[in-house]
Protein backbone atom coordinates (compact mmCIF):
# COMPACT_ATOMS: atom_id res chain seq x y z
CA MET A 1 13.94 -20.76 -40.69
CA GLN A 2 15.31 -17.19 -39.93
CA MET A 3 12.48 -15.07 -38.56
CA GLY A 4 12.31 -11.72 -36.37
CA VAL A 5 12.06 -11.27 -32.75
CA GLU A 6 8.40 -9.10 -33.51
CA GLU A 7 7.40 -12.00 -35.98
CA PHE A 8 8.06 -14.77 -33.61
CA ARG A 9 6.36 -12.63 -30.85
CA GLN A 10 3.23 -12.54 -33.15
CA LEU A 11 2.92 -16.21 -33.98
CA ILE A 12 3.10 -17.28 -30.65
CA PRO A 13 -0.66 -18.71 -30.22
CA ILE A 14 -3.49 -16.90 -27.56
CA LEU A 15 -4.98 -18.92 -24.47
CA HIS A 16 -8.16 -17.89 -24.00
CA PRO A 17 -8.54 -15.79 -20.86
CA ARG A 18 -11.01 -18.03 -19.17
CA THR A 19 -8.64 -20.87 -19.35
CA ARG A 20 -8.03 -22.65 -15.68
CA LEU A 21 -5.47 -25.09 -14.43
CA GLN A 22 -7.86 -27.52 -14.40
CA ASP A 23 -8.94 -27.86 -18.03
CA LEU A 24 -6.01 -29.77 -19.40
CA ASP A 25 -7.71 -30.80 -22.67
CA ALA A 26 -7.56 -26.66 -23.61
CA LEU A 27 -4.29 -26.51 -22.61
CA ARG A 28 -2.37 -29.23 -24.08
CA ALA A 29 -4.02 -28.62 -27.75
CA TRP A 30 -2.85 -25.07 -27.07
CA TYR A 31 0.68 -26.38 -26.60
CA GLU A 32 0.62 -28.33 -29.40
CA ALA A 33 0.05 -24.50 -31.25
CA MET A 34 2.92 -23.41 -29.36
CA ALA A 35 5.34 -26.22 -29.83
CA ASP A 36 4.37 -25.93 -33.82
CA VAL A 37 5.78 -22.46 -33.63
CA PHE A 38 8.88 -23.19 -31.65
CA ARG A 39 10.33 -25.20 -33.60
CA LEU A 40 9.97 -23.47 -36.51
CA VAL A 41 12.90 -21.18 -35.36
CA ILE A 42 14.25 -23.21 -32.32
CA PRO A 43 16.00 -26.41 -33.08
CA ALA A 44 14.26 -28.51 -30.49
CA ASP A 45 13.94 -32.35 -30.50
CA LEU A 46 12.11 -31.95 -26.85
CA LEU A 47 9.79 -29.49 -26.10
CA ALA A 48 8.03 -29.73 -22.67
CA LEU A 49 5.82 -27.37 -20.17
CA TRP A 50 5.19 -27.59 -16.69
CA LEU A 51 2.53 -24.87 -14.21
CA PHE A 52 2.86 -24.05 -10.82
CA ASP A 53 0.05 -24.57 -8.77
CA GLU A 54 -0.90 -22.29 -5.69
CA ASP A 55 1.65 -24.40 -3.53
CA GLY A 56 4.26 -23.93 -6.23
CA VAL A 57 3.74 -27.59 -7.36
CA PRO A 58 5.11 -28.09 -11.03
CA ILE A 59 2.03 -29.52 -13.03
CA LEU A 60 3.56 -31.39 -16.19
CA VAL A 61 0.78 -30.40 -19.29
CA GLU A 62 2.90 -31.64 -22.30
CA PRO A 63 4.64 -34.40 -23.02
CA GLU A 64 2.85 -36.39 -20.64
CA ALA A 65 5.53 -39.28 -21.43
CA LEU A 66 7.68 -36.77 -19.62
CA ALA A 67 6.48 -37.78 -16.34
CA GLU A 68 8.10 -41.25 -16.26
CA ASP A 69 11.32 -39.55 -16.46
CA ASN A 70 10.88 -38.72 -12.67
CA LEU A 71 12.68 -35.41 -13.43
CA LEU A 72 11.95 -33.83 -9.86
CA ILE A 73 11.53 -30.71 -11.22
CA PRO A 74 11.77 -28.04 -8.26
CA TYR A 75 9.16 -26.17 -6.75
CA ALA A 76 8.42 -22.59 -7.06
CA LYS A 77 8.49 -20.55 -3.49
CA PRO A 78 7.37 -18.32 -5.03
CA LEU A 79 10.42 -18.38 -7.61
CA VAL A 80 12.79 -21.66 -8.63
CA ASP A 81 15.81 -22.08 -7.25
CA ALA A 82 18.48 -21.56 -9.84
CA GLN A 83 20.58 -23.99 -8.48
CA GLU A 84 18.19 -26.76 -8.41
CA LEU A 85 17.25 -25.88 -12.11
CA ALA A 86 21.01 -26.04 -13.21
CA GLN A 87 20.87 -29.72 -11.42
CA VAL A 88 17.56 -30.76 -13.83
CA GLU A 89 19.69 -28.95 -16.64
CA ASP A 90 22.49 -31.23 -15.92
CA ARG A 91 20.44 -34.77 -15.86
CA ILE A 92 18.73 -33.91 -19.03
CA ARG A 93 22.12 -33.60 -20.76
CA ARG A 94 23.22 -36.87 -19.18
CA ALA A 95 20.10 -38.62 -21.14
CA GLY A 96 21.99 -37.11 -24.17
CA TYR A 97 20.97 -34.00 -24.84
CA GLY A 98 23.25 -32.06 -26.15
CA SER A 99 21.71 -28.16 -25.78
CA VAL A 100 19.47 -27.47 -22.96
CA GLN A 101 17.45 -24.67 -22.25
CA LEU A 102 15.22 -24.69 -19.00
CA ARG A 103 13.19 -21.13 -18.36
CA PRO A 104 11.04 -20.31 -15.63
CA VAL A 105 8.07 -18.12 -16.76
CA ARG A 106 8.05 -15.35 -14.22
CA HIS A 107 5.38 -12.51 -13.29
CA GLY A 108 4.77 -10.00 -11.25
CA GLY A 109 7.79 -11.50 -9.26
CA GLN A 110 6.44 -15.09 -9.12
CA ASP A 111 7.28 -18.09 -11.52
CA VAL A 112 4.20 -19.29 -13.19
CA ALA A 113 5.63 -22.15 -15.72
CA LEU A 114 8.45 -23.63 -16.31
CA ILE A 115 9.64 -24.43 -20.08
CA LEU A 116 12.25 -26.89 -21.49
CA LEU A 117 13.85 -26.94 -25.12
CA ALA A 118 16.19 -29.69 -25.67
CA ALA A 119 18.04 -30.91 -28.57
CA PHE A 120 20.21 -33.76 -29.23
CA SER A 121 23.18 -31.92 -31.47
CA PRO A 122 25.62 -29.64 -28.74
CA TYR A 123 25.43 -25.88 -30.07
CA ALA A 124 22.23 -26.07 -31.05
CA HIS A 125 21.05 -23.12 -29.01
CA GLY A 126 23.31 -20.06 -29.34
CA GLU A 127 22.21 -16.10 -28.20
CA THR A 128 19.81 -16.02 -30.76
CA THR A 129 17.99 -18.60 -29.25
CA GLY A 130 18.16 -16.86 -26.00
CA ARG A 131 16.76 -13.62 -27.16
CA LEU A 132 13.88 -15.47 -28.59
CA MET A 133 12.99 -17.46 -25.34
CA ALA A 134 12.92 -14.14 -23.47
CA VAL A 135 10.43 -12.81 -25.92
CA ALA A 136 8.49 -16.07 -25.84
CA THR A 137 8.60 -15.98 -21.98
CA ASP A 138 7.69 -12.12 -21.80
CA ALA A 139 4.77 -13.14 -24.12
CA LEU A 140 3.55 -16.29 -22.30
CA ALA A 141 4.08 -14.92 -18.59
CA PRO A 142 0.56 -12.88 -18.81
CA MET A 143 -1.43 -15.88 -20.44
CA LEU A 144 0.09 -18.71 -18.02
CA ALA A 145 -0.62 -16.19 -15.35
CA ARG A 146 -4.15 -16.03 -15.71
CA VAL A 147 -4.41 -19.92 -16.53
CA VAL A 148 -2.80 -20.02 -12.70
CA SER A 149 -4.35 -17.55 -10.89
CA SER A 150 -7.84 -18.95 -11.98
CA GLY A 151 -7.16 -22.47 -10.74
CA ARG A 152 -6.00 -21.28 -7.40
CA HIS A 153 -10.12 -19.96 -6.90
CA GLU A 154 -12.62 -22.59 -7.95
CA LEU A 155 -15.98 -20.52 -7.26
CA HIS A 156 -18.35 -23.69 -8.15
CA ALA A 157 -18.61 -27.12 -6.81
CA PRO A 158 -20.94 -29.90 -8.55
CA VAL A 159 -24.41 -29.08 -7.76
CA PRO A 160 -26.22 -32.10 -6.10
CA PRO A 161 -29.22 -33.38 -8.14
CA ARG A 162 -32.53 -31.59 -6.44
CA PRO A 163 -34.57 -33.99 -4.82
CA SER A 164 -38.20 -34.65 -6.54
CA LEU A 165 -40.98 -32.93 -5.05
CA PRO A 166 -43.49 -35.56 -3.33
CA THR A 167 -46.52 -36.10 -5.71
CA ALA A 168 -49.82 -36.99 -4.09
CA THR A 169 -51.36 -40.33 -5.47
CA PRO A 170 -53.76 -39.85 -8.54
CA ALA A 171 -57.62 -40.43 -8.10
CA ALA A 172 -59.16 -43.90 -8.74
CA PRO A 173 -59.89 -43.41 -13.23
CA SER A 174 -63.92 -42.66 -13.36
CA ALA A 175 -65.55 -45.71 -15.57
CA GLU A 176 -66.25 -42.98 -18.80
CA ALA A 177 -62.58 -42.41 -18.83
CA PRO A 178 -60.12 -44.57 -20.15
CA ALA A 179 -57.34 -45.36 -17.64
CA HIS A 180 -53.93 -44.24 -18.85
CA PRO A 181 -50.44 -44.91 -16.56
CA VAL A 182 -49.10 -41.95 -14.99
CA GLU A 183 -45.36 -41.00 -15.09
CA HIS A 184 -43.83 -38.72 -12.40
CA HIS A 185 -40.60 -37.52 -13.30
CA ALA A 186 -37.99 -35.92 -11.00
CA PRO A 187 -36.34 -33.10 -13.03
CA PRO A 188 -33.10 -33.44 -14.36
CA ALA A 189 -30.17 -32.59 -12.62
CA ARG A 190 -28.33 -29.42 -14.16
CA GLU A 191 -24.60 -28.77 -14.71
CA GLU A 192 -24.14 -25.37 -13.12
CA ASP A 193 -23.00 -22.53 -15.56
CA PRO A 194 -19.05 -21.35 -14.57
CA SER A 195 -20.89 -17.88 -15.39
CA PHE A 196 -24.09 -18.25 -13.12
CA ALA A 197 -21.38 -19.36 -10.28
CA VAL A 198 -19.16 -16.12 -10.54
CA LEU A 199 -22.40 -14.40 -10.80
CA ALA A 200 -23.92 -15.84 -7.82
CA SER A 201 -20.12 -15.53 -6.01
CA ILE A 202 -20.47 -11.49 -6.25
CA ALA A 203 -24.18 -11.39 -5.35
CA ASP A 204 -23.44 -13.17 -2.08
CA ALA A 205 -20.35 -10.75 -1.55
CA ILE A 206 -22.30 -7.63 -2.35
CA GLY A 207 -25.83 -8.87 -0.54
CA GLY A 208 -24.24 -10.48 2.51
CA ALA A 209 -21.52 -8.15 3.52
CA GLY A 210 -21.43 -6.16 6.62
CA THR A 211 -19.30 -3.22 6.10
CA PRO A 212 -16.91 -2.38 3.14
CA ARG A 213 -14.00 -4.04 4.04
CA ASP A 214 -16.04 -7.23 4.04
CA LEU A 215 -17.38 -6.77 0.69
CA MET A 216 -14.10 -6.02 -0.91
CA LEU A 217 -12.56 -9.29 0.57
CA ALA A 218 -15.53 -11.23 -0.68
CA LEU A 219 -15.72 -9.46 -4.20
CA SER A 220 -11.80 -9.63 -4.50
CA PHE A 221 -12.52 -13.71 -3.93
CA ALA A 222 -15.37 -14.03 -6.04
CA LEU A 223 -13.51 -12.38 -9.03
CA GLN A 224 -10.13 -14.05 -9.16
CA GLY A 225 -11.69 -16.76 -11.21
CA VAL A 226 -12.61 -14.31 -13.84
CA LEU A 227 -10.21 -11.20 -13.50
CA PRO A 228 -7.25 -12.54 -11.79
CA HIS A 229 -5.62 -9.70 -9.56
CA ASP A 230 -2.97 -9.25 -6.99
CA CYS A 231 -4.47 -5.88 -5.46
CA TYR A 232 -7.69 -4.10 -5.34
CA GLU A 233 -9.05 -0.62 -4.40
CA LEU A 234 -11.95 0.71 -4.03
CA LEU A 235 -12.33 4.70 -3.63
CA ILE A 236 -14.92 7.04 -2.52
CA PRO A 237 -14.61 10.95 -3.30
CA ASP A 238 -15.44 13.92 -1.25
CA GLY A 239 -17.31 16.84 -2.82
CA ASP A 240 -14.87 18.13 -4.52
CA GLY A 241 -13.06 15.68 -5.58
CA GLU A 242 -9.87 16.68 -3.79
CA HIS A 243 -9.92 13.82 -1.61
CA HIS A 244 -10.47 10.10 -2.03
CA TYR A 245 -11.32 7.58 0.81
CA ARG A 246 -10.31 4.16 0.81
CA LEU A 247 -13.49 2.46 1.32
CA GLY A 248 -12.06 -1.24 0.63
CA LEU A 249 -10.17 -1.06 3.97
CA HIS A 250 -13.05 0.97 6.04
CA GLY A 251 -14.59 -1.30 8.63
CA HIS A 252 -17.23 -0.22 11.65
CA GLY A 253 -17.81 3.42 12.08
CA ALA A 254 -18.16 6.91 10.21
CA LEU A 255 -16.68 7.24 6.84
CA TRP A 256 -13.92 9.78 6.68
CA GLY A 257 -13.33 8.80 10.21
CA ASP A 258 -9.79 7.57 9.59
CA PRO A 259 -7.26 10.30 8.12
CA ALA A 260 -4.89 7.52 7.55
CA LEU A 261 -7.47 6.11 5.07
CA THR A 262 -7.75 9.46 3.11
CA TRP A 263 -5.45 10.16 -0.33
CA SER A 264 -5.46 13.87 -1.61
CA ARG A 265 -4.84 14.02 -5.36
CA ALA A 266 -0.94 14.36 -4.76
CA THR A 267 -1.48 10.19 -3.75
CA LEU A 268 -3.86 9.36 -6.49
CA ASP A 269 -5.55 11.39 -9.30
CA PRO A 270 -8.84 9.44 -10.21
CA GLY A 271 -10.09 12.41 -12.18
CA SER A 272 -6.94 12.57 -14.45
CA LEU A 273 -6.40 9.04 -14.51
CA PHE A 274 -10.29 8.22 -15.99
CA ALA A 275 -10.03 11.13 -18.55
CA GLY A 276 -14.01 11.56 -19.74
CA GLY A 277 -15.25 9.85 -17.01
CA GLY A 278 -14.39 6.74 -19.09
CA SER A 279 -12.43 3.41 -17.94
CA LEU A 280 -9.39 2.94 -17.18
CA LEU A 281 -6.82 -0.12 -18.84
CA ILE A 282 -2.75 0.28 -18.41
CA HIS A 283 -0.91 -2.77 -19.48
CA ASP A 284 2.28 -1.45 -17.94
CA ALA A 285 2.39 1.55 -15.82
CA GLN A 286 6.28 1.46 -15.87
CA ARG A 287 6.17 2.28 -19.26
CA ALA A 288 3.06 4.21 -19.95
CA GLY A 289 4.95 7.60 -18.63
CA LEU A 290 2.19 7.82 -15.58
CA PRO A 291 2.74 9.39 -12.08
CA PRO A 292 3.93 7.00 -9.72
CA LEU A 293 1.08 4.82 -8.21
CA PRO A 294 0.37 3.92 -4.91
CA GLU A 295 0.11 0.68 -3.26
CA LEU A 296 -3.21 -0.90 -3.43
CA VAL A 297 -4.57 -2.95 -0.95
CA THR A 298 -2.84 -6.21 -1.52
CA VAL A 299 -4.65 -9.95 -1.55
CA ARG A 300 -1.22 -11.46 -2.53
CA GLY A 301 2.30 -11.21 -3.53
CA ALA A 302 4.43 -8.25 -2.36
CA GLU A 303 3.09 -4.74 -1.33
CA VAL A 304 4.40 -3.11 -4.37
CA PRO A 305 2.60 -0.67 -6.58
CA PRO A 306 0.56 -2.44 -9.58
CA ARG A 307 2.30 -2.78 -13.28
CA ALA A 308 -1.18 -3.39 -15.27
CA LEU A 309 -4.59 -1.85 -13.68
CA ILE A 310 -7.89 -1.59 -14.85
CA GLY A 311 -10.47 0.32 -13.14
CA VAL A 312 -14.15 1.42 -14.27
CA PRO A 313 -16.06 4.87 -12.31
CA LEU A 314 -19.27 3.19 -10.29
CA ARG A 315 -22.61 5.49 -11.08
CA VAL A 316 -25.76 5.58 -10.36
CA VAL A 317 -27.43 6.60 -13.31
CA GLU A 318 -25.27 9.83 -13.80
CA ARG A 319 -24.33 10.24 -10.33
CA LEU A 320 -20.41 9.36 -9.36
CA ALA A 321 -20.51 7.16 -6.47
CA GLY A 322 -16.89 5.89 -6.45
CA TYR A 323 -14.39 4.04 -8.23
CA ILE A 324 -12.72 0.41 -8.25
CA LEU A 325 -9.81 -0.55 -9.50
CA LEU A 326 -8.24 -3.98 -10.03
CA GLY A 327 -4.10 -4.27 -10.22
CA SER A 328 -1.48 -6.96 -10.81
CA ALA A 329 2.00 -7.16 -9.55
CA GLY A 330 3.02 -8.50 -13.44
CA PRO A 331 2.64 -6.11 -17.15
CA GLY A 332 0.15 -7.08 -19.72
CA LEU A 333 -2.53 -9.08 -17.63
CA TYR A 334 -5.81 -7.85 -18.63
CA ARG A 335 -7.26 -7.10 -22.14
CA GLU A 336 -10.76 -5.25 -23.46
CA GLU A 337 -12.82 -7.60 -22.65
CA ASP A 338 -11.55 -7.84 -19.05
CA LEU A 339 -12.70 -4.25 -18.76
CA VAL A 340 -15.82 -4.81 -20.33
CA LEU A 341 -16.62 -7.42 -17.50
CA LEU A 342 -15.76 -4.84 -14.78
CA ASP A 343 -17.99 -2.32 -15.95
CA ARG A 344 -21.02 -5.02 -15.86
CA ILE A 345 -19.76 -5.90 -12.34
CA GLY A 346 -19.43 -2.19 -11.36
CA ALA A 347 -23.28 -1.50 -12.33
CA VAL A 348 -24.28 -4.07 -9.90
CA LEU A 349 -21.82 -2.91 -7.40
CA ALA A 350 -22.49 0.66 -7.44
CA PRO A 351 -25.86 0.65 -6.07
CA ARG A 352 -24.61 -0.91 -2.97
CA VAL A 353 -21.33 1.93 -2.33
CA GLU A 354 -24.06 4.92 -2.82
CA GLY A 355 -25.84 2.95 -0.14
CA MET A 356 -23.03 2.77 2.31
CA VAL A 357 -22.63 6.21 1.96
CA LEU A 358 -26.15 7.06 2.07
CA ALA A 359 -26.61 5.35 5.35
CA TRP A 360 -23.40 7.08 6.84
CA GLN A 361 -24.74 10.65 5.66
CA TYR A 362 -27.93 10.02 6.85
CA GLY A 363 -26.24 9.05 10.16
CA VAL A 364 -24.25 12.46 10.14
CA LEU A 365 -27.71 14.51 9.39
CA ARG A 366 -29.67 12.80 12.27
CA GLY A 367 -27.07 13.42 14.75
CA GLN A 368 -27.11 17.13 13.67
CA PHE A 369 -30.74 17.25 13.59
CA ASP A 370 -30.47 16.22 17.21
CA LEU A 371 -28.20 18.19 18.32
CA LEU A 372 -30.02 21.52 16.70
CA ARG A 373 -33.26 20.44 18.38
CA HIS A 374 -31.10 21.09 21.44
CA VAL A 375 -29.23 24.39 21.13
CA PRO A 376 -31.13 26.47 21.92
CA GLY A 377 -31.27 25.09 25.67
CA HIS A 378 -27.35 24.68 25.51
CA LEU A 379 -27.06 28.52 24.62
CA ALA A 380 -29.35 29.56 27.34
CA LYS A 381 -27.22 27.29 29.41
CA VAL A 382 -24.06 28.82 28.52
CA ALA A 383 -25.71 32.27 28.57
CA GLU A 384 -26.47 31.91 32.70
CA LEU A 385 -23.16 30.05 33.54
CA LEU A 386 -21.61 32.91 31.57
CA ALA A 387 -23.86 35.18 34.21
CA THR A 388 -22.99 33.45 37.11
CA THR A 389 -19.44 32.89 36.99
CA PRO A 390 -16.44 35.08 36.60
CA PHE A 391 -14.99 34.31 32.75
CA LEU A 392 -11.63 34.44 33.65
CA GLY A 393 -10.47 30.81 35.56
CA GLU A 394 -13.58 28.66 36.21
CA GLY A 395 -15.78 30.12 34.16
CA SER A 396 -13.82 29.57 30.46
CA ARG A 397 -13.11 26.02 32.11
CA LEU A 398 -17.07 25.19 32.16
CA PHE A 399 -17.61 27.24 28.60
CA VAL A 400 -15.32 24.98 27.05
CA GLN A 401 -17.45 21.62 28.45
CA GLN A 402 -20.46 23.28 27.08
CA VAL A 403 -18.84 23.86 23.26
CA GLN A 404 -17.74 20.10 23.77
CA ALA A 405 -20.96 19.01 24.30
CA MET A 406 -22.51 21.02 21.02
CA LEU A 407 -19.12 20.82 18.65
CA PRO A 408 -16.33 18.41 18.06
CA ALA A 409 -14.14 20.22 20.11
CA ALA A 410 -10.54 18.97 21.53
CA ALA A 411 -9.03 21.79 22.71
CA LEU A 412 -10.20 25.59 22.45
CA GLU A 413 -8.86 28.82 22.90
CA PHE A 414 -9.05 32.60 22.91
CA CYS A 415 -7.16 35.83 21.29
CA VAL A 416 -7.61 38.67 22.32
CA ARG A 417 -5.94 42.25 21.41
CA THR A 418 -4.80 44.49 24.44
CA SER A 419 -2.57 46.96 23.03
CA GLY A 420 -1.38 47.08 19.28
CA GLU A 421 -3.24 45.45 16.41
CA HIS A 422 -0.24 43.09 16.06
CA ARG A 423 -0.21 41.07 18.86
CA VAL A 424 -2.69 39.45 20.89
CA ALA A 425 -3.21 37.44 24.55
CA VAL A 426 -4.07 33.76 24.18
CA VAL A 427 -6.44 32.57 26.81
CA ARG A 428 -6.92 29.12 27.61
CA PRO A 429 -9.02 27.91 29.60
CA GLY A 430 -9.48 27.50 33.67
CA VAL A 431 -6.02 30.29 33.78
CA PRO A 432 -7.23 32.73 36.03
CA THR A 433 -4.61 35.13 35.17
CA PRO A 434 -5.32 39.02 34.02
CA LEU A 435 -4.99 39.88 30.75
CA ALA A 436 -3.03 42.17 31.27
CA ASP A 437 -0.29 39.69 32.51
CA LEU A 438 -0.33 37.53 29.61
CA PRO A 439 2.37 37.44 27.41
CA GLN A 440 1.61 39.48 24.03
CA GLU A 441 2.01 36.86 21.08
CA PRO A 442 2.24 38.52 17.43
CA ILE A 443 -0.23 37.50 14.53
CA GLU A 444 0.85 39.39 11.57
CA GLY A 445 0.24 37.18 8.71
CA SER A 446 -1.81 34.42 10.28
CA GLY A 447 -5.23 33.77 9.17
CA VAL A 448 -6.64 34.86 12.91
CA ALA A 449 -5.00 38.46 11.99
CA GLN A 450 -7.02 37.97 8.97
CA VAL A 451 -10.29 37.05 10.84
CA MET A 452 -9.78 40.15 13.17
CA ARG A 453 -9.14 42.45 10.58
CA GLY A 454 -12.61 41.55 9.05
CA GLU A 455 -10.80 40.03 5.83
CA LEU A 456 -12.32 36.50 6.25
CA PRO A 457 -15.55 35.54 8.28
CA TYR A 458 -14.28 32.82 9.32
CA LEU A 459 -10.90 30.69 8.87
CA LEU A 460 -11.09 26.52 8.34
CA ALA A 461 -7.84 25.14 7.73
CA SER A 462 -5.97 21.54 8.70
CA GLN A 463 -2.59 20.69 9.74
CA LEU A 464 -0.49 17.90 11.04
CA GLU A 465 0.17 17.49 14.48
CA SER A 466 2.15 14.56 16.43
CA GLY A 467 1.96 12.39 13.23
CA SER A 468 -1.98 12.80 12.58
CA GLN A 469 -4.23 15.46 10.92
CA VAL A 470 -6.33 18.17 13.02
CA GLY A 471 -8.69 20.65 11.94
CA VAL A 472 -8.88 24.23 13.28
CA LEU A 473 -11.84 26.98 12.94
CA VAL A 474 -11.11 30.44 14.24
CA VAL A 475 -14.27 32.37 14.28
CA PRO A 476 -14.46 36.23 15.48
CA LEU A 477 -15.06 38.13 18.61
CA ARG A 478 -17.55 40.60 18.42
CA THR A 479 -18.95 43.07 20.28
CA GLY A 480 -20.59 46.33 19.54
CA GLY A 481 -19.77 46.57 16.18
CA GLU A 482 -16.12 45.45 17.15
CA VAL A 483 -14.00 42.55 16.66
CA PHE A 484 -11.16 42.31 18.93
CA GLY A 485 -10.11 39.02 19.13
CA ALA A 486 -10.59 35.78 17.85
CA MET A 487 -11.86 32.16 19.12
CA ALA A 488 -9.75 29.06 17.79
CA VAL A 489 -11.69 25.52 17.78
CA THR A 490 -9.51 22.26 17.11
CA SER A 491 -10.37 18.94 16.23
CA GLU A 492 -9.03 15.69 15.06
CA GLY A 493 -9.61 14.53 11.31
CA LEU A 494 -9.25 16.06 8.55
CA ARG A 495 -12.64 17.48 7.89
CA PRO A 496 -14.34 17.81 11.43
CA PHE A 497 -16.45 21.05 11.09
CA SER A 498 -19.48 20.86 8.75
CA ARG A 499 -21.21 24.63 8.04
CA SER A 500 -23.58 24.35 10.89
CA ASP A 501 -20.72 23.60 13.47
CA MET A 502 -19.42 26.86 11.71
CA ALA A 503 -22.97 29.10 12.78
CA LEU A 504 -22.77 27.49 16.17
CA ALA A 505 -19.24 28.09 16.73
CA GLN A 506 -19.75 31.46 15.92
CA GLN A 507 -23.15 31.40 18.26
CA LEU A 508 -21.20 30.48 20.70
CA ALA A 509 -17.99 33.04 21.14
CA ASP A 510 -21.02 36.06 20.46
CA LEU A 511 -21.80 34.89 23.88
CA ALA A 512 -18.89 34.74 25.44
CA ALA A 513 -17.22 38.23 23.61
CA PRO A 514 -19.00 40.40 25.64
CA HIS A 515 -17.10 39.02 28.96
CA LEU A 516 -14.04 38.69 27.49
CA ASP A 517 -14.22 42.39 26.16
CA LEU A 518 -15.36 43.29 29.81
CA ALA A 519 -12.16 41.70 31.13
CA ARG A 520 -9.99 43.28 28.53
CA ARG A 521 -11.21 46.73 29.31
CA THR A 522 -10.40 46.39 33.04
CA SER A 523 -7.31 44.69 32.73
CA GLY A 524 -6.59 48.05 30.61
CA LEU A 525 -7.77 50.75 32.71
CA ALA A 526 -5.37 53.19 34.77
CA LEU A 527 -6.29 55.25 37.18
CA PRO A 528 -7.50 58.48 35.61
CA PRO A 529 -5.37 61.97 36.51
CA LEU A 530 -7.14 64.63 38.24
CA PRO A 531 -7.71 67.70 36.18
CA GLY A 532 -5.06 70.70 36.68
CA TRP A 533 -1.67 71.22 37.44
CA LYS A 534 -1.63 70.80 40.96
CA ARG A 535 -3.42 68.77 43.46
CA PRO A 536 -5.86 71.03 45.78
CA THR A 537 -3.53 71.37 49.30
CA TYR A 538 -4.36 73.61 52.63
CA ARG A 539 -1.97 76.54 53.11
CA THR A 540 -2.13 78.92 55.61
CA GLU A 541 -3.56 82.44 56.26
CA ARG A 542 0.01 83.52 56.04
CA GLU A 543 1.19 81.89 52.69
CA ARG A 544 -2.22 82.78 51.32
CA GLY A 545 -1.44 86.54 51.88
CA ASP A 546 -4.21 87.34 54.33
């Protein structure tokens, strides 16, 4: 029968997405429908199908009688060796088949199944057969990959029958009431519903995980039976959506504390992927015309960007809490019904994610309140220290120690204008060198110059140093209504300073400013010349003309 390639693809029967490797009856019924389609266009006296389990062991689906021939099908590790396949084909030809096609079904870098087509007549399979087989394996790969993945994660076991509750011995019947035999029946044992088992596993993952990383590991395992995936990602946005934190990799400690777990919009932009706040379904990222996707958290297989991807936003009422993404290394694995299921799971997961974020925010606010409660005492101590210790040298060193008790400061330095508007002297803590003897450094065109000219009230920037992100906060040094310098505080992390830190840094700079201004004025003053053309001298009376 003559049939086009696309017509042949459309005739291939669809396998139910919830079919597992253990459902051999369903697989055999689907095999019969598939075999009828194949025989319409490809000459075949023998059509066989094997699936590979998690260890790469081939499992024969049909025909069952072929198991008696002991063909020695090779294992998939994760791919089937081509030389071993050629040996199997040669053995089948020696059995009397003139034309043999033995094709692996490959999905996401691993072989999930093996198809055998054999005909007694020689030269029965030509170029057309090769093209049809390529189309068939391409269409079968996502379906059979789901079957194999679901079989790898058995989420439920038979539930033992519940023990019957102890019952009290009935009282003897009274003379007025007739005696009737009392029967006590134990509740019948119920077989657990697979969907209920998945729900129970998801509930255990969400309720029992102590860290976000443990949560996603447990949730990933629970979802493999219904939503197979090779990688996943759990992201939470910052305030303006410019950066996202990989919450699924976070263990203990403060959120946003590891710069390596922060993605900018240049790496991945969920705002554009989830256009309009809806869900995400990508059948093949390589053909969708999208920007390159990054590597997600890999649970199996090679660490490569996903080709098939589904994702939903996590919302609590109308508030966005984050995003969850599931990906596959092979294309075409997910369907619309998978997106509906993931959306329901996301509705259960969202409050847990928001709870983790709120717990972190509570800890940050509590620490800030504790600090603010002690700020007046710290500032008074700083003022007393500066009043009793020369600032250049020991005073600046002690000042930095007090600053580090109130701010996340890894380093601190001062820029002081001594002569000219475009050059400053850089004062470092513990250095007693007078300002006039320090080298002058240019600042024109920098953010420090903008702060010193009053164009910016402060400067908050981030930069890369030694492979790690650091944040820099610059506030002006001011006294008597004049800005004569700036104080720069450096801290590790992408965004280490809060708004309260900026206000506190300005207060500390205002305490140090008069002492630096005094050092600037005293170091720059020269001895004033005496008035007059000549100094007064003593002359004799003859010289004076007396």
